[in-house]
């Protein structure tokens, strides 16, 4: 069963998926750009939505390091643990 953080991320990712990408593609190792087709603008939109909903601040350098769903989950979980 996915964590609440993962469920929140998946919920915000689903509407950003490129046409033809199935929701079943939202596996932990899925790469945001290469596998899911997210643009830079999509990634920023995702992070802004997560920051607002989860009350977590993500810096531009942290955003630049995010490559996969697992990266996003790990970063958000670390932010919420502080």
N, C-alpha and C. Protein backbone atom coordinates (compact mmCIF):
# COMPACT_ATOMS: atom_id res chain seq x y z
N UNK A 1 0.85 -1.18 0.00
CA UNK A 1 0.00 0.00 0.00
C UNK A 1 0.89 1.24 0.00
N UNK A 2 0.67 2.15 -0.95
CA UNK A 2 1.50 3.35 -1.03
C UNK A 2 1.33 4.25 0.19
N UNK A 3 2.39 4.99 0.49
CA UNK A 3 2.33 5.93 1.61
C UNK A 3 1.42 7.10 1.24
N UNK A 4 0.94 7.84 2.24
CA UNK A 4 0.12 9.03 1.94
C UNK A 4 0.86 10.03 1.05
N UNK A 5 2.18 10.16 1.25
CA UNK A 5 2.96 11.08 0.41
C UNK A 5 2.93 10.59 -1.03
N UNK A 6 3.14 9.30 -1.22
CA UNK A 6 3.14 8.73 -2.57
C UNK A 6 1.77 8.89 -3.22
N UNK A 7 0.70 8.67 -2.47
CA UNK A 7 -0.64 8.83 -3.03
C UNK A 7 -0.88 10.28 -3.46
N UNK A 8 -0.41 11.23 -2.67
CA UNK A 8 -0.55 12.65 -3.01
C UNK A 8 0.22 12.97 -4.28
N UNK A 9 1.45 12.46 -4.38
CA UNK A 9 2.26 12.70 -5.58
C UNK A 9 1.58 12.11 -6.80
N UNK A 10 1.12 10.87 -6.71
CA UNK A 10 0.45 10.23 -7.84
C UNK A 10 -0.79 11.01 -8.27
N UNK A 11 -1.54 11.51 -7.30
CA UNK A 11 -2.76 12.26 -7.61
C UNK A 11 -2.42 13.54 -8.39
N UNK A 12 -1.32 14.18 -8.05
CA UNK A 12 -0.93 15.40 -8.76
C UNK A 12 -0.23 15.10 -10.08
N UNK A 13 0.41 13.94 -10.17
CA UNK A 13 1.09 13.56 -11.41
C UNK A 13 0.11 13.14 -12.51
N UNK A 14 -0.95 12.45 -12.14
CA UNK A 14 -1.87 11.86 -13.13
C UNK A 14 -2.33 12.86 -14.19
N UNK A 15 -2.78 14.06 -13.83
CA UNK A 15 -3.24 14.97 -14.88
C UNK A 15 -2.11 15.54 -15.74
N UNK A 16 -0.87 15.39 -15.30
CA UNK A 16 0.27 15.94 -16.06
C UNK A 16 0.87 14.94 -17.04
N UNK A 17 0.42 13.68 -16.98
CA UNK A 17 1.00 12.66 -17.83
C UNK A 17 0.81 12.98 -19.30
N UNK A 18 1.84 12.70 -20.06
CA UNK A 18 1.79 12.89 -21.51
C UNK A 18 0.75 11.93 -22.10
N UNK A 19 0.12 12.36 -23.17
CA UNK A 19 -0.87 11.51 -23.83
C UNK A 19 -0.25 10.16 -24.15
N UNK A 20 -0.96 9.11 -23.88
CA UNK A 20 -0.48 7.77 -24.17
C UNK A 20 0.26 7.12 -23.02
N UNK A 21 0.54 7.87 -21.95
CA UNK A 21 1.21 7.30 -20.77
C UNK A 21 0.12 6.86 -19.80
N UNK A 22 0.13 5.60 -19.47
CA UNK A 22 -0.88 5.03 -18.58
C UNK A 22 -0.59 5.37 -17.12
N UNK A 23 -1.63 5.50 -16.33
CA UNK A 23 -1.45 5.74 -14.89
C UNK A 23 -0.68 4.59 -14.24
N UNK A 24 -0.76 3.41 -14.81
CA UNK A 24 0.00 2.26 -14.32
C UNK A 24 1.50 2.44 -14.47
N UNK A 25 1.90 3.45 -15.22
CA UNK A 25 3.33 3.76 -15.39
C UNK A 25 3.91 4.48 -14.18
N UNK A 26 3.06 4.83 -13.21
CA UNK A 26 3.52 5.56 -12.04
C UNK A 26 4.16 4.61 -11.03
N UNK A 27 5.27 4.02 -11.44
CA UNK A 27 6.04 3.13 -10.57
C UNK A 27 7.17 3.93 -9.94
N UNK A 28 7.69 3.51 -8.79
CA UNK A 28 8.70 4.30 -8.08
C UNK A 28 9.90 4.71 -8.93
N UNK A 29 10.36 3.82 -9.80
CA UNK A 29 11.55 4.13 -10.58
C UNK A 29 11.27 4.91 -11.86
N UNK A 30 10.00 5.21 -12.13
CA UNK A 30 9.65 5.96 -13.35
C UNK A 30 10.32 7.32 -13.33
N UNK A 31 11.01 7.62 -14.44
CA UNK A 31 11.68 8.91 -14.58
C UNK A 31 10.66 9.95 -15.05
N UNK A 32 10.69 11.09 -14.42
CA UNK A 32 9.68 12.12 -14.67
C UNK A 32 9.67 12.56 -16.13
N UNK A 33 10.80 12.84 -16.69
CA UNK A 33 10.86 13.35 -18.06
C UNK A 33 10.83 12.22 -19.07
N UNK A 34 11.75 11.28 -18.94
CA UNK A 34 11.92 10.26 -19.96
C UNK A 34 10.76 9.26 -20.02
N UNK A 35 10.29 8.81 -18.87
CA UNK A 35 9.24 7.78 -18.85
C UNK A 35 7.83 8.35 -18.83
N UNK A 36 7.66 9.46 -18.11
CA UNK A 36 6.31 10.02 -17.94
C UNK A 36 6.03 11.21 -18.85
N UNK A 37 7.06 11.72 -19.52
CA UNK A 37 6.87 12.80 -20.47
C UNK A 37 6.63 14.17 -19.86
N UNK A 38 7.03 14.36 -18.60
CA UNK A 38 6.83 15.67 -17.98
C UNK A 38 7.81 16.69 -18.54
N UNK A 39 7.31 17.86 -18.82
CA UNK A 39 8.17 18.97 -19.24
C UNK A 39 8.70 19.66 -17.98
N UNK A 40 9.61 20.59 -18.17
CA UNK A 40 10.12 21.36 -17.04
C UNK A 40 8.98 22.11 -16.36
N UNK A 41 8.06 22.65 -17.15
CA UNK A 41 6.92 23.37 -16.60
C UNK A 41 6.02 22.43 -15.80
N UNK A 42 5.82 21.21 -16.31
CA UNK A 42 5.03 20.21 -15.58
C UNK A 42 5.67 19.91 -14.23
N UNK A 43 7.00 19.75 -14.21
CA UNK A 43 7.70 19.44 -12.97
C UNK A 43 7.53 20.57 -11.96
N UNK A 44 7.64 21.80 -12.42
CA UNK A 44 7.46 22.95 -11.53
C UNK A 44 6.02 22.98 -11.01
N UNK A 45 5.05 22.72 -11.87
CA UNK A 45 3.65 22.69 -11.45
C UNK A 45 3.42 21.61 -10.40
N UNK A 46 4.01 20.44 -10.61
CA UNK A 46 3.89 19.35 -9.65
C UNK A 46 4.45 19.76 -8.30
N UNK A 47 5.66 20.32 -8.30
CA UNK A 47 6.30 20.71 -7.05
C UNK A 47 5.53 21.82 -6.35
N UNK A 48 5.03 22.78 -7.09
CA UNK A 48 4.24 23.85 -6.47
C UNK A 48 2.99 23.30 -5.81
N UNK A 49 2.32 22.37 -6.47
CA UNK A 49 1.11 21.77 -5.90
C UNK A 49 1.45 20.98 -4.63
N UNK A 50 2.56 20.25 -4.66
CA UNK A 50 2.98 19.49 -3.48
C UNK A 50 3.39 20.40 -2.34
N UNK A 51 4.10 21.48 -2.66
CA UNK A 51 4.50 22.43 -1.63
C UNK A 51 3.27 23.00 -0.93
N UNK A 52 2.28 23.37 -1.73
CA UNK A 52 1.07 23.97 -1.17
C UNK A 52 0.29 22.96 -0.33
N UNK A 53 0.06 21.77 -0.87
CA UNK A 53 -0.76 20.79 -0.16
C UNK A 53 -0.06 20.22 1.08
N UNK A 54 1.25 19.99 0.98
CA UNK A 54 1.96 19.33 2.07
C UNK A 54 2.74 20.30 2.95
N UNK A 55 2.65 21.58 2.62
CA UNK A 55 3.34 22.61 3.41
C UNK A 55 4.84 22.31 3.53
N UNK A 56 5.46 22.03 2.40
CA UNK A 56 6.88 21.73 2.34
C UNK A 56 7.52 22.64 1.29
N UNK A 57 8.63 23.25 1.61
CA UNK A 57 9.32 24.14 0.67
C UNK A 57 10.44 23.39 -0.03
N UNK A 58 10.46 23.47 -1.35
CA UNK A 58 11.48 22.80 -2.15
C UNK A 58 12.24 23.86 -2.94
N UNK A 59 13.54 23.88 -2.77
CA UNK A 59 14.38 24.88 -3.43
C UNK A 59 14.61 24.52 -4.90
N UNK A 60 15.04 25.50 -5.68
CA UNK A 60 15.34 25.25 -7.09
C UNK A 60 16.44 24.20 -7.26
N UNK A 61 17.53 24.26 -6.45
CA UNK A 61 18.54 23.20 -6.59
C UNK A 61 17.99 21.80 -6.27
N UNK A 62 17.09 21.71 -5.29
CA UNK A 62 16.47 20.42 -4.98
C UNK A 62 15.60 19.96 -6.14
N UNK A 63 14.85 20.87 -6.72
CA UNK A 63 14.01 20.55 -7.87
C UNK A 63 14.85 20.02 -9.02
N UNK A 64 16.00 20.63 -9.24
CA UNK A 64 16.87 20.22 -10.35
C UNK A 64 17.39 18.80 -10.18
N UNK A 65 17.45 18.30 -8.96
CA UNK A 65 17.97 16.96 -8.69
C UNK A 65 16.91 15.86 -8.83
N UNK A 66 15.65 16.22 -8.94
CA UNK A 66 14.58 15.23 -8.99
C UNK A 66 14.51 14.59 -10.37
N UNK A 67 14.68 13.28 -10.41
CA UNK A 67 14.65 12.57 -11.68
C UNK A 67 13.50 11.56 -11.76
N UNK A 68 13.14 10.96 -10.63
CA UNK A 68 12.15 9.88 -10.63
C UNK A 68 11.08 10.13 -9.57
N UNK A 69 10.03 9.33 -9.63
CA UNK A 69 8.99 9.42 -8.60
C UNK A 69 9.61 9.15 -7.23
N UNK A 70 10.48 8.16 -7.16
CA UNK A 70 11.16 7.85 -5.89
C UNK A 70 11.92 9.06 -5.35
N UNK A 71 12.57 9.81 -6.23
CA UNK A 71 13.29 11.02 -5.80
C UNK A 71 12.33 12.02 -5.15
N UNK A 72 11.17 12.21 -5.77
CA UNK A 72 10.19 13.15 -5.25
C UNK A 72 9.67 12.67 -3.90
N UNK A 73 9.33 11.39 -3.81
CA UNK A 73 8.83 10.82 -2.55
C UNK A 73 9.86 11.00 -1.44
N UNK A 74 11.10 10.64 -1.73
CA UNK A 74 12.16 10.75 -0.72
C UNK A 74 12.37 12.17 -0.24
N UNK A 75 12.39 13.11 -1.17
CA UNK A 75 12.59 14.52 -0.80
C UNK A 75 11.44 15.02 0.07
N UNK A 76 10.21 14.74 -0.34
CA UNK A 76 9.06 15.21 0.43
C UNK A 76 9.05 14.56 1.81
N UNK A 77 9.34 13.28 1.89
CA UNK A 77 9.36 12.62 3.20
C UNK A 77 10.44 13.23 4.10
N UNK A 78 11.61 13.55 3.55
CA UNK A 78 12.65 14.19 4.36
C UNK A 78 12.19 15.57 4.82
N UNK A 79 11.54 16.30 3.94
CA UNK A 79 11.06 17.64 4.29
C UNK A 79 10.02 17.58 5.41
N UNK A 80 9.14 16.61 5.35
CA UNK A 80 8.08 16.49 6.34
C UNK A 80 8.59 15.96 7.67
N UNK A 81 9.72 15.28 7.65
CA UNK A 81 10.29 14.72 8.88
C UNK A 81 11.02 15.76 9.71
N UNK A 82 11.35 16.88 9.09
CA UNK A 82 12.12 17.93 9.80
C UNK A 82 11.23 18.70 10.74
